[in-house]
């Protein structure tokens, strides 16, 4: 069993506060900076690009849940 899939790990992740849109925008800017600084196509570039995408999905979820939605 993978260590992150233990019931204790999922409970501790569930107890963390949900990230705010503002904190996600900061993380997004940092990930974009890392992606832009990395050599195109390198492992670091791929990791930063994937993180940018994950953060964008989280931001979109928060914005859709806003009243009224920001979309």
C-alpha atoms as a PDB file:
ATOM      1  CA  UNK A   1       0.000   0.000   0.000  1.00  0.00           C
ATOM      2  CA  UNK A   2       1.312   3.457  -0.887  1.00  0.00           C
ATOM      3  CA  UNK A   3       1.990   5.568   2.242  1.00  0.00           C
ATOM      4  CA  UNK A   4      -0.231   8.401   1.001  1.00  0.00           C
ATOM      5  CA  UNK A   5      -3.216   6.083   0.650  1.00  0.00           C
ATOM      6  CA  UNK A   6      -3.432   5.195   4.322  1.00  0.00           C
ATOM      7  CA  UNK A   7      -6.574   6.238   6.179  1.00  0.00           C
ATOM      8  CA  UNK A   8      -4.487   8.446   8.485  1.00  0.00           C
ATOM      9  CA  UNK A   9      -2.946  10.282   5.538  1.00  0.00           C
ATOM     10  CA  UNK A  10      -6.327  10.953   3.946  1.00  0.00           C
ATOM     11  CA  UNK A  11      -7.775  12.174   7.250  1.00  0.00           C
ATOM     12  CA  UNK A  12      -4.910  14.614   7.767  1.00  0.00           C
ATOM     13  CA  UNK A  13      -5.291  15.892   4.189  1.00  0.00           C
ATOM     14  CA  UNK A  14      -9.031  16.335   4.757  1.00  0.00           C
ATOM     15  CA  UNK A  15      -8.401  18.401   7.889  1.00  0.00           C
ATOM     16  CA  UNK A  16      -6.259  20.946   6.046  1.00  0.00           C
ATOM     17  CA  UNK A  17      -8.047  24.199   5.222  1.00  0.00           C
ATOM     18  CA  UNK A  18      -9.072  24.549   1.604  1.00  0.00           C
ATOM     19  CA  UNK A  19      -6.726  26.821  -0.338  1.00  0.00           C
ATOM     20  CA  UNK A  20      -8.056  30.271  -1.136  1.00  0.00           C
ATOM     21  CA  UNK A  21      -8.165  31.686  -4.633  1.00  0.00           C
ATOM     22  CA  UNK A  22      -5.529  34.217  -3.628  1.00  0.00           C
ATOM     23  CA  UNK A  23      -3.126  31.562  -2.294  1.00  0.00           C
ATOM     24  CA  UNK A  24      -3.636  29.529  -5.463  1.00  0.00           C
ATOM     25  CA  UNK A  25      -2.836  32.573  -7.608  1.00  0.00           C
ATOM     26  CA  UNK A  26       0.449  32.966  -5.701  1.00  0.00           C
ATOM     27  CA  UNK A  27       1.280  29.273  -6.214  1.00  0.00           C
ATOM     28  CA  UNK A  28       0.309  29.620  -9.899  1.00  0.00           C
ATOM     29  CA  UNK A  29       2.700  32.547 -10.389  1.00  0.00           C
ATOM     30  CA  UNK A  30       5.523  30.613  -8.679  1.00  0.00           C
ATOM     31  CA  UNK A  31       4.898  27.530 -10.836  1.00  0.00           C
ATOM     32  CA  UNK A  32       4.846  29.678 -13.994  1.00  0.00           C
ATOM     33  CA  UNK A  33       8.174  31.255 -12.975  1.00  0.00           C
ATOM     34  CA  UNK A  34       9.703  27.793 -12.474  1.00  0.00           C
ATOM     35  CA  UNK A  35       8.308  26.628 -15.817  1.00  0.00           C
ATOM     36  CA  UNK A  36       9.604  29.712 -17.622  1.00  0.00           C
ATOM     37  CA  UNK A  37      13.065  29.327 -16.043  1.00  0.00           C
ATOM     38  CA  UNK A  38      13.361  25.636 -16.951  1.00  0.00           C
ATOM     39  CA  UNK A  39      14.708  24.377 -20.241  1.00  0.00           C
ATOM     40  CA  UNK A  40      11.845  23.678 -22.635  1.00  0.00           C
ATOM     41  CA  UNK A  41      10.910  19.999 -22.552  1.00  0.00           C
ATOM     42  CA  UNK A  42      13.086  19.192 -19.515  1.00  0.00           C
ATOM     43  CA  UNK A  43      11.802  17.202 -16.543  1.00  0.00           C
ATOM     44  CA  UNK A  44      11.613  20.410 -14.465  1.00  0.00           C
ATOM     45  CA  UNK A  45       9.607  22.108 -17.227  1.00  0.00           C
ATOM     46  CA  UNK A  46       7.195  19.157 -17.408  1.00  0.00           C
ATOM     47  CA  UNK A  47       6.709  19.124 -13.629  1.00  0.00           C
ATOM     48  CA  UNK A  48       6.088  22.877 -13.459  1.00  0.00           C
ATOM     49  CA  UNK A  49       3.709  22.710 -16.455  1.00  0.00           C
ATOM     50  CA  UNK A  50       1.716  19.938 -14.789  1.00  0.00           C
ATOM     51  CA  UNK A  51       1.564  21.934 -11.556  1.00  0.00           C
ATOM     52  CA  UNK A  52       0.343  25.029 -13.452  1.00  0.00           C
ATOM     53  CA  UNK A  53      -2.471  22.923 -14.922  1.00  0.00           C
ATOM     54  CA  UNK A  54      -3.466  21.411 -11.572  1.00  0.00           C
ATOM     55  CA  UNK A  55      -3.568  24.836  -9.947  1.00  0.00           C
ATOM     56  CA  UNK A  56      -5.649  26.254 -12.809  1.00  0.00           C
ATOM     57  CA  UNK A  57      -8.199  23.477 -12.320  1.00  0.00           C
ATOM     58  CA  UNK A  58      -8.396  24.278  -8.578  1.00  0.00           C
ATOM     59  CA  UNK A  59      -8.840  27.990  -9.308  1.00  0.00           C
ATOM     60  CA  UNK A  60     -11.585  27.240 -11.840  1.00  0.00           C
ATOM     61  CA  UNK A  61     -13.420  25.108  -9.278  1.00  0.00           C
ATOM     62  CA  UNK A  62     -13.329  27.923  -6.729  1.00  0.00           C
ATOM     63  CA  UNK A  63     -14.459  30.491  -9.290  1.00  0.00           C
ATOM     64  CA  UNK A  64     -17.379  28.326 -10.444  1.00  0.00           C
ATOM     65  CA  UNK A  65     -18.502  27.957  -6.828  1.00  0.00           C
ATOM     66  CA  UNK A  66     -18.539  31.742  -6.293  1.00  0.00           C
ATOM     67  CA  UNK A  67     -21.872  33.514  -6.157  1.00  0.00           C
ATOM     68  CA  UNK A  68     -22.135  34.757  -8.866  1.00  0.00           C
ATOM     69  CA  UNK A  69     -19.611  32.528 -10.668  1.00  0.00           C
ATOM     70  CA  UNK A  70     -16.560  34.291 -12.106  1.00  0.00           C
ATOM     71  CA  UNK A  71     -16.875  32.437 -15.422  1.00  0.00           C
END
